[in-house]
Structure formats: C-alpha cells, structure tokens
C-alpha cells in the first residue's frame, strides 16, 4: 500500500482529512509544537492519531518559532485578544510552508507519495492554504529531490489539500462524520487554551457554522 504523511493539528479538519485516505494509504502523522497559544491541540492531535490508526505519529518541537514570530500574530502571542472574525493577525507567517517542508522531508525518507494538510475552500483568506501556494511548493520540493526521484531512491510527492479538490469545510466534516461518527468531537479547534472551546474566537465560530451547514448536531462543549 502507498504511504501518506498527514499533517495533524488536532483539529476537526485534520481528522476529517484522514478519513479520505485511511483505507487507501498507510498513514503517517506529523504534528508540530511551535509555541502555539492553544497547546491543547497537541493533546487532541494524539487522540486524532489513535483514531486514524497511524503507522507512526511524530510530534516535532519547533518551540523556537514562538520567539521568531514575536508579536506578529495572535496564535503564538497572547499580547493581543483573539478576534471573533477573520483578522490578518490570525495568519502565522508561512506556517504551512514550514510544516509542509518538514513533512515532505519525512515523506521522501519513507518513500511516501503524498503529503496532505487540511486547508479547504473556506480558507480563502489564508495565503498558505490556497491551491496556488501548495502546488508551487510541491513543484519546488520535488525539484529539490529531482535526482533522487530520477534514480528511484525517492518518490515524487503530491501535496494535497481538500481546497485543491474543491472540498468545503462542511463537506469535509460530513465525510469525517460518516467514517468516524462522534469521535470527531475529540478534536480541538479553539485558538484559546481553556478547558472547553471558548465559542467566541474565529475558529470556534467557523466550527459551529460548519456543523450547522453539514446538518450535524454539534456536541462540542463551548463556554459560550
């Protein structure tokens, strides 16, 4: 069976992404600890990994990124309040480029043919979620291993996202729910780090909207 490396944040999108590949690939998960404000997502990522029956799950420490980012965004800095609607302060500079590059290094080492992350068609406001970005990065990464690919030492990788396949967040979670049922409520979407989802931040609001649009009863515990 072909191998795929799936980038897992512990969120709803990353689990439901895995539902698309669980029966077609041997799945290897990779999660990044980059000094994120919502460290609870790392706990959720371990749960997601177990649900997906990963062949291996690596949690990579990138905590030094927090100092590099400084106060440039609200996801690694707590100096600013979390917005309830999209604001560019939510964008972590080229975060996905860093994650995909590291995931691809592992994929080449495994002779995996796919690297996937959970960007979907509702992520239009995030530059590093758009298909134009993921396709160009895919090209650059394969160019970086072109000799190994020609020699058959490496496999050419595809960087895949639900966005590139035209899949929305609600469609993504509908598919995930069909495969995993209530296990999808073990995921963590909130930008805050409370005991339960805050219910107010942009990510919580998007989670609520997606369940409503998918006609799935939202069993997530929200503080408001």
C-alpha atoms as a PDB file:
ATOM      1  CA  UNK A   1       0.000   0.000   0.000  1.00  0.00           C
ATOM      2  CA  UNK A   2       1.211   3.526  -0.750  1.00  0.00           C
ATOM      3  CA  UNK A   3       2.264   5.752   2.132  1.00  0.00           C
ATOM      4  CA  UNK A   4       0.988   9.228   3.000  1.00  0.00           C
ATOM      5  CA  UNK A   5       2.179  11.776   5.528  1.00  0.00           C
ATOM      6  CA  UNK A   6      -0.715  13.725   7.044  1.00  0.00           C
ATOM      7  CA  UNK A   7      -0.124  16.985   8.928  1.00  0.00           C
ATOM      8  CA  UNK A   8      -2.276  16.834  12.062  1.00  0.00           C
ATOM      9  CA  UNK A   9      -3.052  19.858  14.203  1.00  0.00           C
ATOM     10  CA  UNK A  10      -5.530  18.019  16.397  1.00  0.00           C
ATOM     11  CA  UNK A  11      -8.320  19.993  14.773  1.00  0.00           C
ATOM     12  CA  UNK A  12     -11.508  18.973  13.065  1.00  0.00           C
ATOM     13  CA  UNK A  13     -10.113  19.451   9.551  1.00  0.00           C
ATOM     14  CA  UNK A  14      -7.046  17.275  10.067  1.00  0.00           C
ATOM     15  CA  UNK A  15      -9.034  14.317  11.424  1.00  0.00           C
ATOM     16  CA  UNK A  16     -11.645  14.530   8.675  1.00  0.00           C
ATOM     17  CA  UNK A  17      -8.848  14.852   6.126  1.00  0.00           C
ATOM     18  CA  UNK A  18      -7.557  11.489   7.310  1.00  0.00           C
ATOM     19  CA  UNK A  19     -10.931   9.950   6.533  1.00  0.00           C
ATOM     20  CA  UNK A  20     -10.232  10.417   2.826  1.00  0.00           C
ATOM     21  CA  UNK A  21      -7.052   8.349   2.945  1.00  0.00           C
ATOM     22  CA  UNK A  22      -7.440   5.873   5.807  1.00  0.00           C
ATOM     23  CA  UNK A  23      -8.389   2.971   3.504  1.00  0.00           C
ATOM     24  CA  UNK A  24      -6.151   3.925   0.571  1.00  0.00           C
ATOM     25  CA  UNK A  25      -2.829   4.668   2.270  1.00  0.00           C
ATOM     26  CA  UNK A  26      -0.679   3.650   5.182  1.00  0.00           C
ATOM     27  CA  UNK A  27      -0.916   6.867   7.183  1.00  0.00           C
ATOM     28  CA  UNK A  28       1.944   8.571   8.978  1.00  0.00           C
ATOM     29  CA  UNK A  29       1.033  11.593  11.075  1.00  0.00           C
ATOM     30  CA  UNK A  30       3.133  14.619  11.928  1.00  0.00           C
ATOM     31  CA  UNK A  31       2.240  17.313  14.446  1.00  0.00           C
ATOM     32  CA  UNK A  32       4.166  20.470  15.278  1.00  0.00           C
ATOM     33  CA  UNK A  33       4.657  22.133  18.640  1.00  0.00           C
ATOM     34  CA  UNK A  34       5.555  25.639  17.511  1.00  0.00           C
ATOM     35  CA  UNK A  35       4.722  27.594  20.647  1.00  0.00           C
ATOM     36  CA  UNK A  36       1.064  27.848  19.769  1.00  0.00           C
ATOM     37  CA  UNK A  37      -1.232  29.572  22.231  1.00  0.00           C
ATOM     38  CA  UNK A  38      -3.669  26.646  22.112  1.00  0.00           C
ATOM     39  CA  UNK A  39      -1.380  23.894  23.381  1.00  0.00           C
ATOM     40  CA  UNK A  40      -4.463  21.752  23.997  1.00  0.00           C
ATOM     41  CA  UNK A  41      -4.436  20.956  20.298  1.00  0.00           C
ATOM     42  CA  UNK A  42      -1.331  18.813  20.910  1.00  0.00           C
ATOM     43  CA  UNK A  43      -3.347  16.636  23.302  1.00  0.00           C
ATOM     44  CA  UNK A  44      -6.113  16.418  20.700  1.00  0.00           C
ATOM     45  CA  UNK A  45      -3.566  15.514  17.998  1.00  0.00           C
ATOM     46  CA  UNK A  46      -2.600  12.391  19.940  1.00  0.00           C
ATOM     47  CA  UNK A  47      -6.278  11.389  20.056  1.00  0.00           C
ATOM     48  CA  UNK A  48      -6.621  12.056  16.332  1.00  0.00           C
ATOM     49  CA  UNK A  49      -3.585   9.872  15.674  1.00  0.00           C
ATOM     50  CA  UNK A  50      -5.164   6.958  17.540  1.00  0.00           C
ATOM     51  CA  UNK A  51      -8.470   7.360  15.706  1.00  0.00           C
ATOM     52  CA  UNK A  52      -6.644   7.254  12.360  1.00  0.00           C
ATOM     53  CA  UNK A  53      -4.608   4.165  13.366  1.00  0.00           C
ATOM     54  CA  UNK A  54      -1.400   5.791  12.196  1.00  0.00           C
ATOM     55  CA  UNK A  55       1.609   3.646  11.401  1.00  0.00           C
ATOM     56  CA  UNK A  56       3.671   6.266  13.199  1.00  0.00           C
ATOM     57  CA  UNK A  57       2.987   9.666  14.739  1.00  0.00           C
ATOM     58  CA  UNK A  58       5.762  12.212  15.218  1.00  0.00           C
ATOM     59  CA  UNK A  59       5.341  15.338  17.335  1.00  0.00           C
ATOM     60  CA  UNK A  60       8.057  17.750  16.248  1.00  0.00           C
ATOM     61  CA  UNK A  61       9.222  20.502  18.650  1.00  0.00           C
ATOM     62  CA  UNK A  62       9.560  23.873  16.928  1.00  0.00           C
ATOM     63  CA  UNK A  63       9.125  25.974  20.043  1.00  0.00           C
ATOM     64  CA  UNK A  64      11.852  28.362  18.900  1.00  0.00           C
ATOM     65  CA  UNK A  65       9.377  29.619  16.282  1.00  0.00           C
ATOM     66  CA  UNK A  66       7.493  31.482  19.009  1.00  0.00           C
ATOM     67  CA  UNK A  67      10.465  33.792  19.576  1.00  0.00           C
ATOM     68  CA  UNK A  68      10.917  34.319  15.827  1.00  0.00           C
ATOM     69  CA  UNK A  69       7.261  35.249  15.366  1.00  0.00           C
ATOM     70  CA  UNK A  70       7.279  37.649  18.310  1.00  0.00           C
ATOM     71  CA  UNK A  71       4.013  39.596  18.398  1.00  0.00           C
ATOM     72  CA  UNK A  72       3.361  39.242  14.653  1.00  0.00           C
ATOM     73  CA  UNK A  73       0.260  37.087  15.203  1.00  0.00           C
ATOM     74  CA  UNK A  74      -2.232  36.181  17.921  1.00  0.00           C
ATOM     75  CA  UNK A  75      -1.787  32.403  17.708  1.00  0.00           C
ATOM     76  CA  UNK A  76       1.710  32.432  19.182  1.00  0.00           C
ATOM     77  CA  UNK A  77       1.484  35.668  21.158  1.00  0.00           C
ATOM     78  CA  UNK A  78      -1.016  36.340  23.936  1.00  0.00           C
ATOM     79  CA  UNK A  79      -0.421  40.100  23.947  1.00  0.00           C
ATOM     80  CA  UNK A  80      -3.482  40.696  21.770  1.00  0.00           C
ATOM     81  CA  UNK A  81      -7.031  39.423  22.211  1.00  0.00           C
ATOM     82  CA  UNK A  82      -8.333  36.744  19.894  1.00  0.00           C
ATOM     83  CA  UNK A  83     -10.611  38.136  17.169  1.00  0.00           C
ATOM     84  CA  UNK A  84     -14.106  36.719  16.719  1.00  0.00           C
ATOM     85  CA  UNK A  85     -13.936  37.242  12.945  1.00  0.00           C
ATOM     86  CA  UNK A  86     -11.106  36.961  10.454  1.00  0.00           C
ATOM     87  CA  UNK A  87      -8.319  39.429  11.019  1.00  0.00           C
ATOM     88  CA  UNK A  88      -4.849  39.183   9.487  1.00  0.00           C
ATOM     89  CA  UNK A  89      -3.401  38.910  12.995  1.00  0.00           C
ATOM     90  CA  UNK A  90      -4.553  35.274  12.899  1.00  0.00           C
ATOM     91  CA  UNK A  91      -2.204  34.487   9.997  1.00  0.00           C
ATOM     92  CA  UNK A  92       1.049  32.888  11.189  1.00  0.00           C
ATOM     93  CA  UNK A  93       3.702  33.825   8.571  1.00  0.00           C
ATOM     94  CA  UNK A  94       4.324  30.924   6.140  1.00  0.00           C
ATOM     95  CA  UNK A  95       3.480  28.409   8.860  1.00  0.00           C
ATOM     96  CA  UNK A  96       2.210  25.884   6.344  1.00  0.00           C
ATOM     97  CA  UNK A  97       5.363  26.240   4.240  1.00  0.00           C
ATOM     98  CA  UNK A  98       7.437  25.241   7.260  1.00  0.00           C
ATOM     99  CA  UNK A  99       5.146  22.355   8.166  1.00  0.00           C
ATOM    100  CA  UNK A 100       4.869  21.010   4.616  1.00  0.00           C
ATOM    101  CA  UNK A 101       8.620  21.189   4.055  1.00  0.00           C
ATOM    102  CA  UNK A 102       9.382  19.205   7.199  1.00  0.00           C
ATOM    103  CA  UNK A 103       6.566  16.729   6.464  1.00  0.00           C
ATOM    104  CA  UNK A 104       7.932  16.286   2.945  1.00  0.00           C
ATOM    105  CA  UNK A 105      11.433  15.563   4.257  1.00  0.00           C
ATOM    106  CA  UNK A 106       9.899  12.692   6.202  1.00  0.00           C
ATOM    107  CA  UNK A 107       7.794  11.641   3.203  1.00  0.00           C
ATOM    108  CA  UNK A 108      10.867  11.377   0.956  1.00  0.00           C
ATOM    109  CA  UNK A 109      12.626   9.343   3.639  1.00  0.00           C
ATOM    110  CA  UNK A 110       9.623   6.987   3.874  1.00  0.00           C
ATOM    111  CA  UNK A 111       9.192   6.777   0.083  1.00  0.00           C
ATOM    112  CA  UNK A 112       5.705   8.191   0.607  1.00  0.00           C
ATOM    113  CA  UNK A 113       3.900   9.648  -2.387  1.00  0.00           C
ATOM    114  CA  UNK A 114       1.516  12.064  -0.648  1.00  0.00           C
ATOM    115  CA  UNK A 115       1.703  14.894   1.877  1.00  0.00           C
ATOM    116  CA  UNK A 116      -1.669  16.254   2.986  1.00  0.00           C
ATOM    117  CA  UNK A 117      -2.934  19.092   5.162  1.00  0.00           C
ATOM    118  CA  UNK A 118      -6.460  20.237   5.932  1.00  0.00           C
ATOM    119  CA  UNK A 119      -6.897  23.507   4.027  1.00  0.00           C
ATOM    120  CA  UNK A 120     -10.372  23.695   2.453  1.00  0.00           C
ATOM    121  CA  UNK A 121     -12.346  26.029   0.196  1.00  0.00           C
ATOM    122  CA  UNK A 122     -13.446  28.198   3.129  1.00  0.00           C
ATOM    123  CA  UNK A 123      -9.781  29.089   3.806  1.00  0.00           C
ATOM    124  CA  UNK A 124      -9.546  31.646   1.003  1.00  0.00           C
ATOM    125  CA  UNK A 125      -8.278  34.386   3.331  1.00  0.00           C
ATOM    126  CA  UNK A 126      -5.174  32.410   4.242  1.00  0.00           C
ATOM    127  CA  UNK A 127      -2.445  32.686   1.545  1.00  0.00           C
ATOM    128  CA  UNK A 128      -0.693  29.458   2.549  1.00  0.00           C
ATOM    129  CA  UNK A 129      -3.922  27.474   2.275  1.00  0.00           C
ATOM    130  CA  UNK A 130      -4.668  28.305  -1.366  1.00  0.00           C
ATOM    131  CA  UNK A 131      -4.034  25.716  -4.120  1.00  0.00           C
ATOM    132  CA  UNK A 132      -1.677  28.097  -5.958  1.00  0.00           C
ATOM    133  CA  UNK A 133       0.609  28.015  -2.920  1.00  0.00           C
ATOM    134  CA  UNK A 134       0.511  24.262  -2.292  1.00  0.00           C
ATOM    135  CA  UNK A 135       1.086  23.476  -5.979  1.00  0.00           C
ATOM    136  CA  UNK A 136       4.119  25.764  -6.241  1.00  0.00           C
ATOM    137  CA  UNK A 137       5.586  24.360  -3.048  1.00  0.00           C
ATOM    138  CA  UNK A 138       5.019  20.826  -4.345  1.00  0.00           C
ATOM    139  CA  UNK A 139       6.951  21.738  -7.505  1.00  0.00           C
ATOM    140  CA  UNK A 140       9.800  23.290  -5.516  1.00  0.00           C
ATOM    141  CA  UNK A 141      10.107  20.333  -3.146  1.00  0.00           C
ATOM    142  CA  UNK A 142      10.161  17.785  -5.950  1.00  0.00           C
ATOM    143  CA  UNK A 143      12.781  19.886  -7.723  1.00  0.00           C
ATOM    144  CA  UNK A 144      14.845  19.721  -4.544  1.00  0.00           C
ATOM    145  CA  UNK A 145      14.808  15.904  -4.746  1.00  0.00           C
ATOM    146  CA  UNK A 146      14.698  15.578  -8.531  1.00  0.00           C
ATOM    147  CA  UNK A 147      17.880  13.478  -8.787  1.00  0.00           C
ATOM    148  CA  UNK A 148      16.705  11.056  -6.103  1.00  0.00           C
ATOM    149  CA  UNK A 149      13.339  10.760  -7.859  1.00  0.00           C
ATOM    150  CA  UNK A 150      15.047  10.033 -11.202  1.00  0.00           C
ATOM    151  CA  UNK A 151      17.211   7.371  -9.580  1.00  0.00           C
ATOM    152  CA  UNK A 152      14.189   5.754  -7.940  1.00  0.00           C
ATOM    153  CA  UNK A 153      15.598   6.410  -4.458  1.00  0.00           C
ATOM    154  CA  UNK A 154      12.750   8.809  -3.658  1.00  0.00           C
ATOM    155  CA  UNK A 155       9.138   9.012  -4.765  1.00  0.00           C
ATOM    156  CA  UNK A 156       7.708  12.158  -6.292  1.00  0.00           C
ATOM    157  CA  UNK A 157       5.254  13.655  -3.814  1.00  0.00           C
ATOM    158  CA  UNK A 158       1.879  15.268  -4.273  1.00  0.00           C
ATOM    159  CA  UNK A 159       0.935  17.988  -1.782  1.00  0.00           C
ATOM    160  CA  UNK A 160      -2.818  17.502  -1.401  1.00  0.00           C
ATOM    161  CA  UNK A 161      -5.461  19.615   0.309  1.00  0.00           C
ATOM    162  CA  UNK A 162      -9.267  19.477   0.351  1.00  0.00           C
ATOM    163  CA  UNK A 163      -9.061  23.002  -1.137  1.00  0.00           C
ATOM    164  CA  UNK A 164      -7.239  21.663  -4.209  1.00  0.00           C
ATOM    165  CA  UNK A 165     -10.055  19.125  -4.632  1.00  0.00           C
ATOM    166  CA  UNK A 166     -12.789  21.764  -4.230  1.00  0.00           C
ATOM    167  CA  UNK A 167     -13.962  20.463  -0.839  1.00  0.00           C
ATOM    168  CA  UNK A 168     -15.541  22.829   1.701  1.00  0.00           C
ATOM    169  CA  UNK A 169     -15.237  22.596   5.489  1.00  0.00           C
ATOM    170  CA  UNK A 170     -18.817  21.363   5.895  1.00  0.00           C
ATOM    171  CA  UNK A 171     -18.347  18.685   3.206  1.00  0.00           C
ATOM    172  CA  UNK A 172     -15.063  17.672   4.813  1.00  0.00           C
ATOM    173  CA  UNK A 173     -16.568  17.161   8.260  1.00  0.00           C
ATOM    174  CA  UNK A 174     -19.630  15.430   6.806  1.00  0.00           C
ATOM    175  CA  UNK A 175     -17.314  12.840   5.287  1.00  0.00           C
ATOM    176  CA  UNK A 176     -15.348  12.601   8.526  1.00  0.00           C
ATOM    177  CA  UNK A 177     -18.549  12.073  10.500  1.00  0.00           C
ATOM    178  CA  UNK A 178     -19.660   9.326   8.117  1.00  0.00           C
ATOM    179  CA  UNK A 179     -16.388   7.495   8.776  1.00  0.00           C
ATOM    180  CA  UNK A 180     -15.673   8.269  12.443  1.00  0.00           C
ATOM    181  CA  UNK A 181     -19.011   9.303  13.944  1.00  0.00           C
ATOM    182  CA  UNK A 182     -18.872  11.106  17.303  1.00  0.00           C
ATOM    183  CA  UNK A 183     -15.111  10.627  17.517  1.00  0.00           C
ATOM    184  CA  UNK A 184     -14.782  13.870  15.555  1.00  0.00           C
ATOM    185  CA  UNK A 185     -15.799  15.719  18.727  1.00  0.00           C
ATOM    186  CA  UNK A 186     -12.494  14.699  20.320  1.00  0.00           C
ATOM    187  CA  UNK A 187     -10.797  17.316  18.121  1.00  0.00           C
ATOM    188  CA  UNK A 188      -9.765  20.807  19.235  1.00  0.00           C
ATOM    189  CA  UNK A 189     -10.422  23.909  17.117  1.00  0.00           C
ATOM    190  CA  UNK A 190     -10.268  26.758  19.635  1.00  0.00           C
ATOM    191  CA  UNK A 191      -7.492  29.358  19.475  1.00  0.00           C
ATOM    192  CA  UNK A 192      -7.682  29.750  23.260  1.00  0.00           C
ATOM    193  CA  UNK A 193      -6.451  27.220  25.803  1.00  0.00           C
ATOM    194  CA  UNK A 194      -9.411  26.799  28.144  1.00  0.00           C
ATOM    195  CA  UNK A 195     -10.876  23.558  29.470  1.00  0.00           C
ATOM    196  CA  UNK A 196     -13.577  23.777  26.792  1.00  0.00           C
ATOM    197  CA  UNK A 197     -13.862  25.574  23.449  1.00  0.00           C
ATOM    198  CA  UNK A 198     -14.397  29.296  24.067  1.00  0.00           C
ATOM    199  CA  UNK A 199     -17.138  29.522  21.433  1.00  0.00           C
ATOM    200  CA  UNK A 200     -16.192  33.121  20.575  1.00  0.00           C
ATOM    201  CA  UNK A 201     -12.961  33.044  18.573  1.00  0.00           C
ATOM    202  CA  UNK A 202     -12.972  32.899  14.789  1.00  0.00           C
ATOM    203  CA  UNK A 203     -12.086  29.200  14.736  1.00  0.00           C
ATOM    204  CA  UNK A 204     -14.859  28.239  17.169  1.00  0.00           C
ATOM    205  CA  UNK A 205     -17.354  30.265  15.144  1.00  0.00           C
ATOM    206  CA  UNK A 206     -16.241  28.519  11.949  1.00  0.00           C
ATOM    207  CA  UNK A 207     -16.606  25.154  13.669  1.00  0.00           C
ATOM    208  CA  UNK A 208     -20.172  25.982  14.722  1.00  0.00           C
ATOM    209  CA  UNK A 209     -21.091  27.186  11.231  1.00  0.00           C
ATOM    210  CA  UNK A 210     -19.660  24.095   9.559  1.00  0.00           C
ATOM    211  CA  UNK A 211     -21.624  21.675  11.743  1.00  0.00           C
ATOM    212  CA  UNK A 212     -24.781  23.684  11.128  1.00  0.00           C
ATOM    213  CA  UNK A 213     -24.199  23.665   7.371  1.00  0.00           C
ATOM    214  CA  UNK A 214     -23.424  19.935   7.421  1.00  0.00           C
ATOM    215  CA  UNK A 215     -26.650  19.270   9.386  1.00  0.00           C
ATOM    216  CA  UNK A 216     -24.689  17.512  12.137  1.00  0.00           C
ATOM    217  CA  UNK A 217     -25.652  18.154  15.760  1.00  0.00           C
ATOM    218  CA  UNK A 218     -22.684  19.873  17.338  1.00  0.00           C
ATOM    219  CA  UNK A 219     -21.750  18.075  20.564  1.00  0.00           C
ATOM    220  CA  UNK A 220     -18.721  20.283  21.198  1.00  0.00           C
ATOM    221  CA  UNK A 221     -18.683  21.839  24.686  1.00  0.00           C
ATOM    222  CA  UNK A 222     -18.436  25.623  24.349  1.00  0.00           C
ATOM    223  CA  UNK A 223     -18.030  28.162  27.131  1.00  0.00           C
ATOM    224  CA  UNK A 224     -20.402  30.487  25.260  1.00  0.00           C
END
